[in-house]
Amino acid sequence: MERKIKFQKNKQKEFLNKVIQNLNSPSLRNLLNFIPNTTYSSLKNYYTERRLIPEQLFIDLLHLAKIPKQSLTIIYLDKNWGKIKGGKKSKRNGPTKNRT
């Protein structure tokens, strides 16, 4: 099961800046050359901390940038972490009507 990685506030951006620096990448967009399975919009959302980083991408970035995992304070969250909250919130709105 793919988990998500949660950093303290502003630490996710710091982590990605460190990755960019260690890889001698001139920009966030250029970082995509090292991680081809990620889109720029996803990477931008990780950078602005709108979304949490998936565990596999986090591991890949650690390996590429040679950053020791022990130097970071992170929390592992289940794959369905945000879905639970969204499902409970949508239940409060009541059932939707079928429009035909």
C-alpha atoms as a PDB file:
ATOM      1  CA  MET A   1       0.000   0.000   0.000  1.00  0.00           C
ATOM      2  CA  GLU A   2       1.407   3.343  -1.095  1.00  0.00           C
ATOM      3  CA  ARG A   3       1.688   5.731   1.815  1.00  0.00           C
ATOM      4  CA  LYS A   4       2.066   9.510   1.824  1.00  0.00           C
ATOM      5  CA  ILE A   5       4.849  11.471   3.505  1.00  0.00           C
ATOM      6  CA  LYS A   6       3.916  14.433   5.667  1.00  0.00           C
ATOM      7  CA  PHE A   7       6.487  17.029   6.680  1.00  0.00           C
ATOM      8  CA  GLN A   8       6.189  19.817   9.221  1.00  0.00           C
ATOM      9  CA  LYS A   9       4.946  23.122   7.792  1.00  0.00           C
ATOM     10  CA  ASN A  10       7.327  24.549   5.135  1.00  0.00           C
ATOM     11  CA  LYS A  11       9.681  21.560   5.492  1.00  0.00           C
ATOM     12  CA  GLN A  12       8.412  19.836   2.321  1.00  0.00           C
ATOM     13  CA  LYS A  13       9.437  22.867   0.262  1.00  0.00           C
ATOM     14  CA  GLU A  14      12.774  22.923   2.102  1.00  0.00           C
ATOM     15  CA  PHE A  15      13.279  19.238   1.280  1.00  0.00           C
ATOM     16  CA  LEU A  16      12.594  19.787  -2.426  1.00  0.00           C
ATOM     17  CA  ASN A  17      14.936  22.806  -2.465  1.00  0.00           C
ATOM     18  CA  LYS A  18      17.663  20.624  -0.964  1.00  0.00           C
ATOM     19  CA  VAL A  19      17.038  17.961  -3.625  1.00  0.00           C
ATOM     20  CA  ILE A  20      17.295  20.609  -6.369  1.00  0.00           C
ATOM     21  CA  GLN A  21      20.512  21.940  -4.831  1.00  0.00           C
ATOM     22  CA  ASN A  22      22.119  18.502  -4.397  1.00  0.00           C
ATOM     23  CA  LEU A  23      21.323  17.509  -7.985  1.00  0.00           C
ATOM     24  CA  ASN A  24      22.681  20.829  -9.318  1.00  0.00           C
ATOM     25  CA  SER A  25      19.355  21.359 -11.024  1.00  0.00           C
ATOM     26  CA  PRO A  26      18.691  24.951 -12.090  1.00  0.00           C
ATOM     27  CA  SER A  27      14.943  24.782 -11.439  1.00  0.00           C
ATOM     28  CA  LEU A  28      11.988  22.760 -10.265  1.00  0.00           C
ATOM     29  CA  ARG A  29      11.028  22.047 -13.887  1.00  0.00           C
ATOM     30  CA  ASN A  30      14.494  20.696 -14.597  1.00  0.00           C
ATOM     31  CA  LEU A  31      14.050  18.248 -11.705  1.00  0.00           C
ATOM     32  CA  LEU A  32      11.636  16.344 -13.981  1.00  0.00           C
ATOM     33  CA  ASN A  33      14.659  15.071 -15.937  1.00  0.00           C
ATOM     34  CA  PHE A  34      15.572  12.984 -12.890  1.00  0.00           C
ATOM     35  CA  ILE A  35      12.026  11.743 -12.114  1.00  0.00           C
ATOM     36  CA  PRO A  36      10.256  11.055 -15.431  1.00  0.00           C
ATOM     37  CA  ASN A  37       7.091   9.457 -13.972  1.00  0.00           C
ATOM     38  CA  THR A  38       5.936  12.743 -12.412  1.00  0.00           C
ATOM     39  CA  THR A  39       4.180  15.667 -14.080  1.00  0.00           C
ATOM     40  CA  TYR A  40       5.230  19.258 -13.579  1.00  0.00           C
ATOM     41  CA  SER A  41       1.864  20.206 -12.071  1.00  0.00           C
ATOM     42  CA  SER A  42       2.191  17.423  -9.475  1.00  0.00           C
ATOM     43  CA  LEU A  43       5.725  18.494  -8.661  1.00  0.00           C
ATOM     44  CA  LYS A  44       4.557  22.096  -8.300  1.00  0.00           C
ATOM     45  CA  ASN A  45       1.773  20.961  -5.944  1.00  0.00           C
ATOM     46  CA  TYR A  46       4.330  19.090  -3.820  1.00  0.00           C
ATOM     47  CA  TYR A  47       6.560  22.178  -3.806  1.00  0.00           C
ATOM     48  CA  THR A  48       3.768  24.521  -2.698  1.00  0.00           C
ATOM     49  CA  GLU A  49       2.674  21.883  -0.150  1.00  0.00           C
ATOM     50  CA  ARG A  50      -0.835  21.521  -1.583  1.00  0.00           C
ATOM     51  CA  ARG A  51      -0.301  17.769  -1.825  1.00  0.00           C
ATOM     52  CA  LEU A  52       1.695  15.240   0.161  1.00  0.00           C
ATOM     53  CA  ILE A  53       4.576  13.405  -1.487  1.00  0.00           C
ATOM     54  CA  PRO A  54       3.974   9.710  -2.262  1.00  0.00           C
ATOM     55  CA  GLU A  55       6.350   7.387  -0.433  1.00  0.00           C
ATOM     56  CA  GLN A  56       7.970   5.940  -3.576  1.00  0.00           C
ATOM     57  CA  LEU A  57       8.752   9.384  -4.986  1.00  0.00           C
ATOM     58  CA  PHE A  58      10.156  10.413  -1.596  1.00  0.00           C
ATOM     59  CA  ILE A  59      12.448   7.359  -1.543  1.00  0.00           C
ATOM     60  CA  ASP A  60      13.572   8.040  -5.123  1.00  0.00           C
ATOM     61  CA  LEU A  61      14.369  11.673  -4.289  1.00  0.00           C
ATOM     62  CA  LEU A  62      16.299  10.667  -1.165  1.00  0.00           C
ATOM     63  CA  HIS A  63      18.365   8.228  -3.209  1.00  0.00           C
ATOM     64  CA  LEU A  64      19.028  10.651  -6.087  1.00  0.00           C
ATOM     65  CA  ALA A  65      19.991  13.581  -3.858  1.00  0.00           C
ATOM     66  CA  LYS A  66      21.897  11.418  -1.349  1.00  0.00           C
ATOM     67  CA  ILE A  67      20.001  12.852   1.624  1.00  0.00           C
ATOM     68  CA  PRO A  68      19.997  10.681   4.770  1.00  0.00           C
ATOM     69  CA  LYS A  69      16.459   9.780   5.833  1.00  0.00           C
ATOM     70  CA  GLN A  70      17.423  10.135   9.507  1.00  0.00           C
ATOM     71  CA  SER A  71      18.051  13.861   9.022  1.00  0.00           C
ATOM     72  CA  LEU A  72      14.351  14.468   8.264  1.00  0.00           C
ATOM     73  CA  THR A  73      11.327  14.581  10.556  1.00  0.00           C
ATOM     74  CA  ILE A  74       8.454  12.956   8.690  1.00  0.00           C
ATOM     75  CA  ILE A  75       5.141  11.241   9.376  1.00  0.00           C
ATOM     76  CA  TYR A  76       3.838   8.329   7.321  1.00  0.00           C
ATOM     77  CA  LEU A  77       0.142   8.544   6.433  1.00  0.00           C
ATOM     78  CA  ASP A  78      -2.044   5.836   4.892  1.00  0.00           C
ATOM     79  CA  LYS A  79      -2.901   6.010   1.219  1.00  0.00           C
ATOM     80  CA  ASN A  80      -6.549   6.823   1.962  1.00  0.00           C
ATOM     81  CA  TRP A  81      -5.755   9.525   4.539  1.00  0.00           C
ATOM     82  CA  GLY A  82      -7.460  12.444   2.753  1.00  0.00           C
ATOM     83  CA  LYS A  83     -10.266  10.351   1.309  1.00  0.00           C
ATOM     84  CA  ILE A  84     -11.700   9.531   4.732  1.00  0.00           C
ATOM     85  CA  LYS A  85     -12.090  13.202   5.616  1.00  0.00           C
ATOM     86  CA  GLY A  86     -13.584  14.009   2.204  1.00  0.00           C
ATOM     87  CA  GLY A  87     -16.077  11.149   2.437  1.00  0.00           C
ATOM     88  CA  LYS A  88     -17.293  12.242   5.863  1.00  0.00           C
ATOM     89  CA  LYS A  89     -17.638  15.818   4.697  1.00  0.00           C
ATOM     90  CA  SER A  90     -19.626  14.847   1.589  1.00  0.00           C
ATOM     91  CA  LYS A  91     -22.034  12.743   3.687  1.00  0.00           C
ATOM     92  CA  ARG A  92     -23.118  15.869   5.554  1.00  0.00           C
ATOM     93  CA  ASN A  93     -24.322  17.432   2.308  1.00  0.00           C
ATOM     94  CA  GLY A  94     -26.924  14.699   1.880  1.00  0.00           C
ATOM     95  CA  PRO A  95     -27.716  12.557  -1.132  1.00  0.00           C
ATOM     96  CA  THR A  96     -27.569  14.120  -4.576  1.00  0.00           C
ATOM     97  CA  LYS A  97     -30.624  14.113  -6.807  1.00  0.00           C
ATOM     98  CA  ASN A  98     -30.529  12.328 -10.131  1.00  0.00           C
ATOM     99  CA  ARG A  99     -30.969  14.758 -12.951  1.00  0.00           C
ATOM    100  CA  THR A 100     -32.468  13.292 -16.093  1.00  0.00           C
END
